[in-house]
Amino acid sequence: MEKLKSIILVLIAIFSIQGGASFAKQLFTVLGPGVTTFLRVWISALLLLVIFQPWKHKLTKNTWGVVALYGMSLGAMNLLFYLALQRIPLGVAVALEFTGPLAVATFASKKALDVVWALLAGLGIVLILPHANFSSSIDVIGVALALGAGFFWGLYIVFAKKVGRSIVGGSATALGMFFAALTVTPTAIPQLHFADYTLQIWLSALAVAVLSSALPYSLEMIALRSIPSKTFGVLMSLEPAVAALMGFVFLNEKLSGLQLMAILCVMVASSGSSLTSRTAEVPTQS
């Protein structure tokens, strides 16, 4: 029963993250992706700092350096993902972003089977790209931005492991989110017009921050106490499908057959990698 509850919590977290992303995309018409990222990350950082109070931990200079890199990766990942989301459907963006954790798992593995998962994910990317023989309106710059977000997600996972050796999970995420906020600030400053933001805009930004970071992270922390990381990894592989569903329901994004096949390829590759790895990479987003 405890395991079932944890699985339900993970599923709620997945829907929360993708619901937050679809909500954020609707804010782009008012704020743009840069300012939306800025508000989401800063609000998330402040919420997490208040909840976990990381200042209670004494850190060495080396640890601070790793935390900064961890946060910078997180900030770049969020910014590039939102920039991609402005150009391509949510489901496609999430599927492409998943190539980052898959690359980390492949490079860390010594199993030939993991190469198969990497090739399957590569096939997914090929299917997403425009083809001469098929009509496709996919934005190539959007694809590149989503892959860039995946690259920084991979770095985020690498640095998260190093940070986790020195700091408790919640405090590490709070500090990481703070450095992420500092990272995205320069790109948003020229577009900020605080005096023009209505109460509705602030409440929408708060909703995006809670749905995309604070709520899912808390649920995942609880769930990971009761389910194996491999099970968690397989469940997280559902994210591209949930993203496609949320994009269809809330954003009226209709995907082509090839794009749906591409998403399926990435999902199978992600779940396969989680199942066959010795210690599954846990591809959480913040």
C-alpha atoms as a PDB file:
ATOM      1  CA  MET A   1       0.000   0.000   0.000  1.00  0.00           C
ATOM      2  CA  GLU A   2       2.864   2.384   0.867  1.00  0.00           C
ATOM      3  CA  LYS A   3       4.491   1.701  -2.506  1.00  0.00           C
ATOM      4  CA  LEU A   4       1.196   2.380  -4.318  1.00  0.00           C
ATOM      5  CA  LYS A   5       0.837   5.710  -2.487  1.00  0.00           C
ATOM      6  CA  SER A   6       4.364   6.660  -3.525  1.00  0.00           C
ATOM      7  CA  ILE A   7       3.657   5.785  -7.161  1.00  0.00           C
ATOM      8  CA  ILE A   8       0.551   7.977  -7.047  1.00  0.00           C
ATOM      9  CA  LEU A   9       2.634  10.824  -5.574  1.00  0.00           C
ATOM     10  CA  VAL A  10       5.141  10.532  -8.434  1.00  0.00           C
ATOM     11  CA  LEU A  11       2.332  10.600 -10.998  1.00  0.00           C
ATOM     12  CA  ILE A  12       0.867  13.704  -9.335  1.00  0.00           C
ATOM     13  CA  ALA A  13       4.339  15.297  -9.451  1.00  0.00           C
ATOM     14  CA  ILE A  14       4.640  14.526 -13.178  1.00  0.00           C
ATOM     15  CA  PHE A  15       1.255  16.062 -13.961  1.00  0.00           C
ATOM     16  CA  SER A  16       2.139  19.040 -11.756  1.00  0.00           C
ATOM     17  CA  ILE A  17       5.410  19.694 -13.617  1.00  0.00           C
ATOM     18  CA  GLN A  18       3.832  19.469 -17.054  1.00  0.00           C
ATOM     19  CA  GLY A  19       0.761  21.411 -15.947  1.00  0.00           C
ATOM     20  CA  GLY A  20       3.109  24.130 -14.724  1.00  0.00           C
ATOM     21  CA  ALA A  21       4.919  24.099 -18.080  1.00  0.00           C
ATOM     22  CA  SER A  22       1.664  24.458 -20.038  1.00  0.00           C
ATOM     23  CA  PHE A  23       0.607  27.275 -17.709  1.00  0.00           C
ATOM     24  CA  ALA A  24       3.997  28.963 -18.167  1.00  0.00           C
ATOM     25  CA  LYS A  25       3.665  28.809 -21.947  1.00  0.00           C
ATOM     26  CA  GLN A  26       0.426  30.765 -21.698  1.00  0.00           C
ATOM     27  CA  LEU A  27       2.340  33.494 -19.822  1.00  0.00           C
ATOM     28  CA  PHE A  28       4.792  33.879 -22.726  1.00  0.00           C
ATOM     29  CA  THR A  29       2.356  36.101 -24.617  1.00  0.00           C
ATOM     30  CA  VAL A  30       2.443  38.587 -21.716  1.00  0.00           C
ATOM     31  CA  LEU A  31       5.931  38.216 -20.245  1.00  0.00           C
ATOM     32  CA  GLY A  32       8.010  36.283 -22.763  1.00  0.00           C
ATOM     33  CA  PRO A  33      10.017  33.142 -21.876  1.00  0.00           C
ATOM     34  CA  GLY A  34      12.922  35.050 -20.314  1.00  0.00           C
ATOM     35  CA  VAL A  35      10.864  36.950 -17.739  1.00  0.00           C
ATOM     36  CA  THR A  36       8.660  33.906 -17.091  1.00  0.00           C
ATOM     37  CA  THR A  37      11.803  31.906 -16.301  1.00  0.00           C
ATOM     38  CA  PHE A  38      13.089  34.723 -14.082  1.00  0.00           C
ATOM     39  CA  LEU A  39       9.886  34.936 -12.024  1.00  0.00           C
ATOM     40  CA  ARG A  40       9.428  31.175 -11.784  1.00  0.00           C
ATOM     41  CA  VAL A  41      13.010  30.478 -10.666  1.00  0.00           C
ATOM     42  CA  TRP A  42      13.213  33.380  -8.205  1.00  0.00           C
ATOM     43  CA  ILE A  43       9.871  32.543  -6.586  1.00  0.00           C
ATOM     44  CA  SER A  44      10.868  28.854  -6.407  1.00  0.00           C
ATOM     45  CA  ALA A  45      14.227  29.793  -4.891  1.00  0.00           C
ATOM     46  CA  LEU A  46      12.657  31.984  -2.204  1.00  0.00           C
ATOM     47  CA  LEU A  47      10.086  29.301  -1.325  1.00  0.00           C
ATOM     48  CA  LEU A  48      12.748  26.580  -1.065  1.00  0.00           C
ATOM     49  CA  LEU A  49      15.124  28.811   0.934  1.00  0.00           C
ATOM     50  CA  VAL A  50      12.388  29.504   3.485  1.00  0.00           C
ATOM     51  CA  ILE A  51      11.367  25.831   3.692  1.00  0.00           C
ATOM     52  CA  PHE A  52      14.827  24.207   3.925  1.00  0.00           C
ATOM     53  CA  GLN A  53      16.912  27.037   5.477  1.00  0.00           C
ATOM     54  CA  PRO A  54      20.245  25.950   3.921  1.00  0.00           C
ATOM     55  CA  TRP A  55      22.174  28.682   5.760  1.00  0.00           C
ATOM     56  CA  LYS A  56      22.243  26.325   8.747  1.00  0.00           C
ATOM     57  CA  HIS A  57      24.870  24.238   6.931  1.00  0.00           C
ATOM     58  CA  LYS A  58      28.521  25.281   6.852  1.00  0.00           C
ATOM     59  CA  LEU A  59      30.032  24.736   3.410  1.00  0.00           C
ATOM     60  CA  THR A  60      33.639  24.668   2.243  1.00  0.00           C
ATOM     61  CA  LYS A  61      34.878  26.827  -0.638  1.00  0.00           C
ATOM     62  CA  ASN A  62      35.020  23.767  -2.903  1.00  0.00           C
ATOM     63  CA  THR A  63      31.438  22.843  -2.033  1.00  0.00           C
ATOM     64  CA  TRP A  64      30.260  26.378  -2.778  1.00  0.00           C
ATOM     65  CA  GLY A  65      31.928  26.114  -6.189  1.00  0.00           C
ATOM     66  CA  VAL A  66      30.142  22.868  -7.030  1.00  0.00           C
ATOM     67  CA  VAL A  67      26.826  24.275  -5.752  1.00  0.00           C
ATOM     68  CA  ALA A  68      27.286  27.300  -8.020  1.00  0.00           C
ATOM     69  CA  LEU A  69      27.899  25.061 -11.061  1.00  0.00           C
ATOM     70  CA  TYR A  70      24.918  22.932 -10.059  1.00  0.00           C
ATOM     71  CA  GLY A  71      22.707  26.018  -9.885  1.00  0.00           C
ATOM     72  CA  MET A  72      24.051  27.509 -13.113  1.00  0.00           C
ATOM     73  CA  SER A  73      23.237  24.246 -14.918  1.00  0.00           C
ATOM     74  CA  LEU A  74      19.741  24.327 -13.445  1.00  0.00           C
ATOM     75  CA  GLY A  75      19.228  27.943 -14.514  1.00  0.00           C
ATOM     76  CA  ALA A  76      20.469  27.350 -18.060  1.00  0.00           C
ATOM     77  CA  MET A  77      18.291  24.230 -18.329  1.00  0.00           C
ATOM     78  CA  ASN A  78      15.154  26.135 -17.312  1.00  0.00           C
ATOM     79  CA  LEU A  79      15.850  29.126 -19.542  1.00  0.00           C
ATOM     80  CA  LEU A  80      16.638  27.074 -22.654  1.00  0.00           C
ATOM     81  CA  PHE A  81      13.615  24.839 -22.056  1.00  0.00           C
ATOM     82  CA  TYR A  82      11.256  27.825 -21.908  1.00  0.00           C
ATOM     83  CA  LEU A  83      12.892  29.366 -24.990  1.00  0.00           C
ATOM     84  CA  ALA A  84      12.343  26.039 -26.783  1.00  0.00           C
ATOM     85  CA  LEU A  85       8.775  25.856 -25.510  1.00  0.00           C
ATOM     86  CA  GLN A  86       8.038  29.156 -27.209  1.00  0.00           C
ATOM     87  CA  ARG A  87       8.844  27.540 -30.569  1.00  0.00           C
ATOM     88  CA  ILE A  88       7.871  23.846 -30.365  1.00  0.00           C
ATOM     89  CA  PRO A  89       5.111  21.750 -28.723  1.00  0.00           C
ATOM     90  CA  LEU A  90       5.448  20.845 -25.046  1.00  0.00           C
ATOM     91  CA  GLY A  91       5.546  17.079 -25.636  1.00  0.00           C
ATOM     92  CA  VAL A  92       8.301  17.388 -28.234  1.00  0.00           C
ATOM     93  CA  ALA A  93      10.352  19.754 -26.043  1.00  0.00           C
ATOM     94  CA  VAL A  94      10.207  17.395 -23.051  1.00  0.00           C
ATOM     95  CA  ALA A  95      11.119  14.365 -25.183  1.00  0.00           C
ATOM     96  CA  LEU A  96      14.152  16.168 -26.601  1.00  0.00           C
ATOM     97  CA  GLU A  97      15.195  17.371 -23.150  1.00  0.00           C
ATOM     98  CA  PHE A  98      15.240  13.775 -21.902  1.00  0.00           C
ATOM     99  CA  THR A  99      18.273  13.112 -24.108  1.00  0.00           C
ATOM    100  CA  GLY A 100      20.407  14.781 -21.406  1.00  0.00           C
ATOM    101  CA  PRO A 101      19.782  12.235 -18.624  1.00  0.00           C
ATOM    102  CA  LEU A 102      19.971   9.437 -21.208  1.00  0.00           C
ATOM    103  CA  ALA A 103      23.399  10.653 -22.330  1.00  0.00           C
ATOM    104  CA  VAL A 104      24.632  10.728 -18.720  1.00  0.00           C
ATOM    105  CA  ALA A 105      23.365   7.176 -18.144  1.00  0.00           C
ATOM    106  CA  THR A 106      24.970   5.958 -21.394  1.00  0.00           C
ATOM    107  CA  PHE A 107      28.388   7.495 -20.721  1.00  0.00           C
ATOM    108  CA  ALA A 108      28.372   6.204 -17.129  1.00  0.00           C
ATOM    109  CA  SER A 109      27.439   2.671 -18.190  1.00  0.00           C
ATOM    110  CA  LYS A 110      29.630  -0.152 -19.399  1.00  0.00           C
ATOM    111  CA  LYS A 111      26.729  -2.203 -20.778  1.00  0.00           C
ATOM    112  CA  ALA A 112      26.238  -2.615 -24.510  1.00  0.00           C
ATOM    113  CA  LEU A 113      22.482  -2.505 -23.975  1.00  0.00           C
ATOM    114  CA  ASP A 114      22.687   1.135 -22.936  1.00  0.00           C
ATOM    115  CA  VAL A 115      24.043   1.949 -26.394  1.00  0.00           C
ATOM    116  CA  VAL A 116      20.803   0.498 -27.780  1.00  0.00           C
ATOM    117  CA  TRP A 117      18.787   2.882 -25.605  1.00  0.00           C
ATOM    118  CA  ALA A 118      20.934   5.792 -26.788  1.00  0.00           C
ATOM    119  CA  LEU A 119      20.407   4.804 -30.432  1.00  0.00           C
ATOM    120  CA  LEU A 120      16.657   4.550 -29.842  1.00  0.00           C
ATOM    121  CA  ALA A 121      16.640   8.060 -28.366  1.00  0.00           C
ATOM    122  CA  GLY A 122      18.695   9.196 -31.369  1.00  0.00           C
ATOM    123  CA  LEU A 123      16.049   7.720 -33.650  1.00  0.00           C
ATOM    124  CA  GLY A 124      13.476   9.773 -31.771  1.00  0.00           C
ATOM    125  CA  ILE A 125      15.440  12.959 -32.502  1.00  0.00           C
ATOM    126  CA  VAL A 126      15.704  12.049 -36.194  1.00  0.00           C
ATOM    127  CA  LEU A 127      11.943  11.482 -36.371  1.00  0.00           C
ATOM    128  CA  ILE A 128      11.289  14.900 -34.820  1.00  0.00           C
ATOM    129  CA  LEU A 129      13.470  16.812 -37.283  1.00  0.00           C
ATOM    130  CA  PRO A 130      11.896  18.068 -40.534  1.00  0.00           C
ATOM    131  CA  HIS A 131      12.156  15.665 -43.471  1.00  0.00           C
ATOM    132  CA  ALA A 132      12.002  16.358 -47.182  1.00  0.00           C
ATOM    133  CA  ASN A 133       9.501  13.547 -47.718  1.00  0.00           C
ATOM    134  CA  PHE A 134       7.168  14.500 -44.885  1.00  0.00           C
ATOM    135  CA  SER A 135       5.348  17.718 -44.093  1.00  0.00           C
ATOM    136  CA  SER A 136       6.601  19.090 -40.787  1.00  0.00           C
ATOM    137  CA  SER A 137       6.373  22.518 -39.240  1.00  0.00           C
ATOM    138  CA  ILE A 138       8.842  21.825 -36.430  1.00  0.00           C
ATOM    139  CA  ASP A 139      11.116  24.759 -35.625  1.00  0.00           C
ATOM    140  CA  VAL A 140      14.770  23.690 -35.903  1.00  0.00           C
ATOM    141  CA  ILE A 141      15.930  26.429 -33.513  1.00  0.00           C
ATOM    142  CA  GLY A 142      13.374  25.172 -30.984  1.00  0.00           C
ATOM    143  CA  VAL A 143      14.758  21.649 -31.377  1.00  0.00           C
ATOM    144  CA  ALA A 144      18.306  22.938 -30.806  1.00  0.00           C
ATOM    145  CA  LEU A 145      17.211  24.867 -27.702  1.00  0.00           C
ATOM    146  CA  ALA A 146      15.472  21.781 -26.263  1.00  0.00           C
ATOM    147  CA  LEU A 147      18.580  19.673 -26.878  1.00  0.00           C
ATOM    148  CA  GLY A 148      20.605  22.419 -25.193  1.00  0.00           C
ATOM    149  CA  ALA A 149      18.268  22.210 -22.204  1.00  0.00           C
ATOM    150  CA  GLY A 150      18.881  18.459 -22.189  1.00  0.00           C
ATOM    151  CA  PHE A 151      22.650  19.040 -22.196  1.00  0.00           C
ATOM    152  CA  PHE A 152      22.407  21.246 -19.115  1.00  0.00           C
ATOM    153  CA  TRP A 153      20.012  18.749 -17.485  1.00  0.00           C
ATOM    154  CA  GLY A 154      22.775  16.179 -17.902  1.00  0.00           C
ATOM    155  CA  LEU A 155      25.296  18.537 -16.266  1.00  0.00           C
ATOM    156  CA  TYR A 156      22.755  19.233 -13.518  1.00  0.00           C
ATOM    157  CA  ILE A 157      22.590  15.489 -12.738  1.00  0.00           C
ATOM    158  CA  VAL A 158      26.394  15.203 -12.651  1.00  0.00           C
ATOM    159  CA  PHE A 159      26.794  18.179 -10.301  1.00  0.00           C
ATOM    160  CA  ALA A 160      23.787  17.101  -8.206  1.00  0.00           C
ATOM    161  CA  LYS A 161      25.604  13.871  -7.346  1.00  0.00           C
ATOM    162  CA  LYS A 162      28.653  15.820  -6.206  1.00  0.00           C
ATOM    163  CA  VAL A 163      26.588  18.302  -4.193  1.00  0.00           C
ATOM    164  CA  GLY A 164      24.617  15.463  -2.612  1.00  0.00           C
ATOM    165  CA  ARG A 165      27.768  14.144  -0.943  1.00  0.00           C
ATOM    166  CA  SER A 166      28.093  17.316   1.123  1.00  0.00           C
ATOM    167  CA  ILE A 167      24.586  18.754   1.583  1.00  0.00           C
ATOM    168  CA  VAL A 168      21.187  17.326   2.488  1.00  0.00           C
ATOM    169  CA  GLY A 169      18.855  17.105  -0.555  1.00  0.00           C
ATOM    170  CA  GLY A 170      16.409  19.910   0.264  1.00  0.00           C
ATOM    171  CA  SER A 171      19.112  22.391   1.209  1.00  0.00           C
ATOM    172  CA  ALA A 172      21.112  21.514  -1.905  1.00  0.00           C
ATOM    173  CA  THR A 173      18.112  22.169  -4.131  1.00  0.00           C
ATOM    174  CA  ALA A 174      17.343  25.465  -2.372  1.00  0.00           C
ATOM    175  CA  LEU A 175      20.903  26.734  -2.856  1.00  0.00           C
ATOM    176  CA  GLY A 176      20.975  25.410  -6.413  1.00  0.00           C
ATOM    177  CA  MET A 177      17.746  27.222  -7.218  1.00  0.00           C
ATOM    178  CA  PHE A 178      19.204  30.438  -5.754  1.00  0.00           C
ATOM    179  CA  PHE A 179      22.232  30.231  -8.068  1.00  0.00           C
ATOM    180  CA  ALA A 180      19.885  29.317 -10.925  1.00  0.00           C
ATOM    181  CA  ALA A 181      17.950  32.523 -10.224  1.00  0.00           C
ATOM    182  CA  LEU A 182      21.171  34.547 -10.333  1.00  0.00           C
ATOM    183  CA  THR A 183      22.069  32.850 -13.630  1.00  0.00           C
ATOM    184  CA  VAL A 184      18.848  33.757 -15.451  1.00  0.00           C
ATOM    185  CA  THR A 185      18.646  37.311 -14.080  1.00  0.00           C
ATOM    186  CA  PRO A 186      20.930  39.072 -16.636  1.00  0.00           C
ATOM    187  CA  THR A 187      18.848  37.842 -19.589  1.00  0.00           C
ATOM    188  CA  ALA A 188      15.605  39.067 -18.002  1.00  0.00           C
ATOM    189  CA  ILE A 189      16.678  42.506 -16.715  1.00  0.00           C
ATOM    190  CA  PRO A 190      16.152  44.391 -20.029  1.00  0.00           C
ATOM    191  CA  GLN A 191      12.605  43.003 -20.280  1.00  0.00           C
ATOM    192  CA  LEU A 192      11.495  43.530 -16.660  1.00  0.00           C
ATOM    193  CA  HIS A 193       8.675  46.014 -16.041  1.00  0.00           C
ATOM    194  CA  PHE A 194       7.547  45.306 -12.480  1.00  0.00           C
ATOM    195  CA  ALA A 195       5.286  48.357 -12.366  1.00  0.00           C
ATOM    196  CA  ASP A 196       3.197  46.932 -15.216  1.00  0.00           C
ATOM    197  CA  TYR A 197       2.638  43.504 -13.657  1.00  0.00           C
ATOM    198  CA  THR A 198      -0.876  43.029 -12.336  1.00  0.00           C
ATOM    199  CA  LEU A 199      -1.854  40.903  -9.352  1.00  0.00           C
ATOM    200  CA  GLN A 200      -3.057  38.240 -11.796  1.00  0.00           C
ATOM    201  CA  ILE A 201       0.400  38.038 -13.393  1.00  0.00           C
ATOM    202  CA  TRP A 202       2.076  37.646  -9.987  1.00  0.00           C
ATOM    203  CA  LEU A 203      -0.411  34.954  -8.958  1.00  0.00           C
ATOM    204  CA  SER A 204       0.141  33.151 -12.273  1.00  0.00           C
ATOM    205  CA  ALA A 205       3.915  33.259 -11.780  1.00  0.00           C
ATOM    206  CA  LEU A 206       3.465  31.916  -8.238  1.00  0.00           C
ATOM    207  CA  ALA A 207       1.293  29.090  -9.582  1.00  0.00           C
ATOM    208  CA  VAL A 208       3.939  28.187 -12.172  1.00  0.00           C
ATOM    209  CA  ALA A 209       6.667  28.157  -9.494  1.00  0.00           C
ATOM    210  CA  VAL A 210       4.631  25.955  -7.144  1.00  0.00           C
ATOM    211  CA  LEU A 211       3.430  23.561  -9.857  1.00  0.00           C
ATOM    212  CA  SER A 212       6.806  23.297 -11.606  1.00  0.00           C
ATOM    213  CA  SER A 213       9.188  23.163  -8.625  1.00  0.00           C
ATOM    214  CA  ALA A 214       8.022  23.360  -5.017  1.00  0.00           C
ATOM    215  CA  LEU A 215       5.125  20.872  -5.132  1.00  0.00           C
ATOM    216  CA  PRO A 216       6.637  18.159  -7.387  1.00  0.00           C
ATOM    217  CA  TYR A 217       9.997  18.276  -5.610  1.00  0.00           C
ATOM    218  CA  SER A 218       8.316  17.764  -2.228  1.00  0.00           C
ATOM    219  CA  LEU A 219       6.208  14.882  -3.570  1.00  0.00           C
ATOM    220  CA  GLU A 220       9.239  13.223  -5.168  1.00  0.00           C
ATOM    221  CA  MET A 221      11.213  13.499  -1.914  1.00  0.00           C
ATOM    222  CA  ILE A 222       8.411  11.657  -0.068  1.00  0.00           C
ATOM    223  CA  ALA A 223       7.973   9.039  -2.815  1.00  0.00           C
ATOM    224  CA  LEU A 224      11.673   8.156  -3.018  1.00  0.00           C
ATOM    225  CA  ARG A 225      11.580   6.959   0.592  1.00  0.00           C
ATOM    226  CA  SER A 226       9.297   4.057  -0.376  1.00  0.00           C
ATOM    227  CA  ILE A 227      10.079   3.091  -3.976  1.00  0.00           C
ATOM    228  CA  PRO A 228      13.357   2.002  -5.643  1.00  0.00           C
ATOM    229  CA  SER A 229      15.134   4.543  -7.842  1.00  0.00           C
ATOM    230  CA  LYS A 230      14.635   2.241 -10.856  1.00  0.00           C
ATOM    231  CA  THR A 231      10.867   2.293 -10.370  1.00  0.00           C
ATOM    232  CA  PHE A 232      11.030   6.061  -9.989  1.00  0.00           C
ATOM    233  CA  GLY A 233      13.082   6.348 -13.186  1.00  0.00           C
ATOM    234  CA  VAL A 234      10.565   4.287 -15.159  1.00  0.00           C
ATOM    235  CA  LEU A 235       7.681   6.407 -13.860  1.00  0.00           C
ATOM    236  CA  MET A 236       9.510   9.604 -14.812  1.00  0.00           C
ATOM    237  CA  SER A 237       9.809   8.202 -18.343  1.00  0.00           C
ATOM    238  CA  LEU A 238       6.092   8.908 -18.674  1.00  0.00           C
ATOM    239  CA  GLU A 239       6.787  12.657 -18.658  1.00  0.00           C
ATOM    240  CA  PRO A 240       6.959  13.128 -22.457  1.00  0.00           C
ATOM    241  CA  ALA A 241       3.557  11.437 -22.853  1.00  0.00           C
ATOM    242  CA  VAL A 242       2.037  13.510 -20.047  1.00  0.00           C
ATOM    243  CA  ALA A 243       3.581  16.634 -21.589  1.00  0.00           C
ATOM    244  CA  ALA A 244       2.014  15.786 -24.960  1.00  0.00           C
ATOM    245  CA  LEU A 245      -1.350  15.245 -23.244  1.00  0.00           C
ATOM    246  CA  MET A 246      -1.158  18.536 -21.320  1.00  0.00           C
ATOM    247  CA  GLY A 247      -0.091  20.351 -24.473  1.00  0.00           C
ATOM    248  CA  PHE A 248      -3.102  18.943 -26.313  1.00  0.00           C
ATOM    249  CA  VAL A 249      -5.605  19.702 -23.534  1.00  0.00           C
ATOM    250  CA  PHE A 250      -4.415  23.145 -22.404  1.00  0.00           C
ATOM    251  CA  LEU A 251      -2.502  24.501 -25.407  1.00  0.00           C
ATOM    252  CA  ASN A 252      -4.343  22.824 -28.303  1.00  0.00           C
ATOM    253  CA  GLU A 253      -1.044  21.364 -29.567  1.00  0.00           C
ATOM    254  CA  LYS A 254      -1.665  18.537 -32.034  1.00  0.00           C
ATOM    255  CA  LEU A 255       1.325  16.328 -32.817  1.00  0.00           C
ATOM    256  CA  SER A 256       1.970  14.448 -36.048  1.00  0.00           C
ATOM    257  CA  GLY A 257       2.277  10.664 -36.194  1.00  0.00           C
ATOM    258  CA  LEU A 258       6.071  10.955 -36.555  1.00  0.00           C
ATOM    259  CA  GLN A 259       6.315  13.221 -33.535  1.00  0.00           C
ATOM    260  CA  LEU A 260       4.268  10.778 -31.449  1.00  0.00           C
ATOM    261  CA  MET A 261       6.543   7.937 -32.599  1.00  0.00           C
ATOM    262  CA  ALA A 262       9.560  10.043 -31.638  1.00  0.00           C
ATOM    263  CA  ILE A 263       8.155  10.645 -28.150  1.00  0.00           C
ATOM    264  CA  LEU A 264       7.494   6.896 -27.787  1.00  0.00           C
ATOM    265  CA  CYS A 265      11.106   6.133 -28.790  1.00  0.00           C
ATOM    266  CA  VAL A 266      12.461   8.476 -26.111  1.00  0.00           C
ATOM    267  CA  MET A 267      10.085   7.075 -23.477  1.00  0.00           C
ATOM    268  CA  VAL A 268      11.098   3.470 -24.215  1.00  0.00           C
ATOM    269  CA  ALA A 269      14.776   4.470 -24.217  1.00  0.00           C
ATOM    270  CA  SER A 270      14.407   6.278 -20.887  1.00  0.00           C
ATOM    271  CA  SER A 271      12.502   3.479 -19.153  1.00  0.00           C
ATOM    272  CA  GLY A 272      14.833   0.852 -20.621  1.00  0.00           C
ATOM    273  CA  SER A 273      17.872   2.749 -19.388  1.00  0.00           C
ATOM    274  CA  SER A 274      16.344   2.998 -15.896  1.00  0.00           C
ATOM    275  CA  LEU A 275      15.533  -0.724 -15.783  1.00  0.00           C
ATOM    276  CA  THR A 276      18.886  -2.004 -17.021  1.00  0.00           C
ATOM    277  CA  SER A 277      21.225   0.380 -15.197  1.00  0.00           C
ATOM    278  CA  ARG A 278      22.897  -0.778 -12.020  1.00  0.00           C
ATOM    279  CA  THR A 279      21.810   2.349 -10.156  1.00  0.00           C
ATOM    280  CA  ALA A 280      19.212   4.173 -12.162  1.00  0.00           C
ATOM    281  CA  GLU A 281      19.757   7.826 -12.943  1.00  0.00           C
ATOM    282  CA  VAL A 282      16.835   9.675 -11.407  1.00  0.00           C
ATOM    283  CA  PRO A 283      15.936  12.333 -13.986  1.00  0.00           C
ATOM    284  CA  THR A 284      14.152  14.780 -11.710  1.00  0.00           C
ATOM    285  CA  GLN A 285      13.473  18.330 -12.803  1.00  0.00           C
ATOM    286  CA  SER A 286      13.370  21.384 -10.576  1.00  0.00           C
END
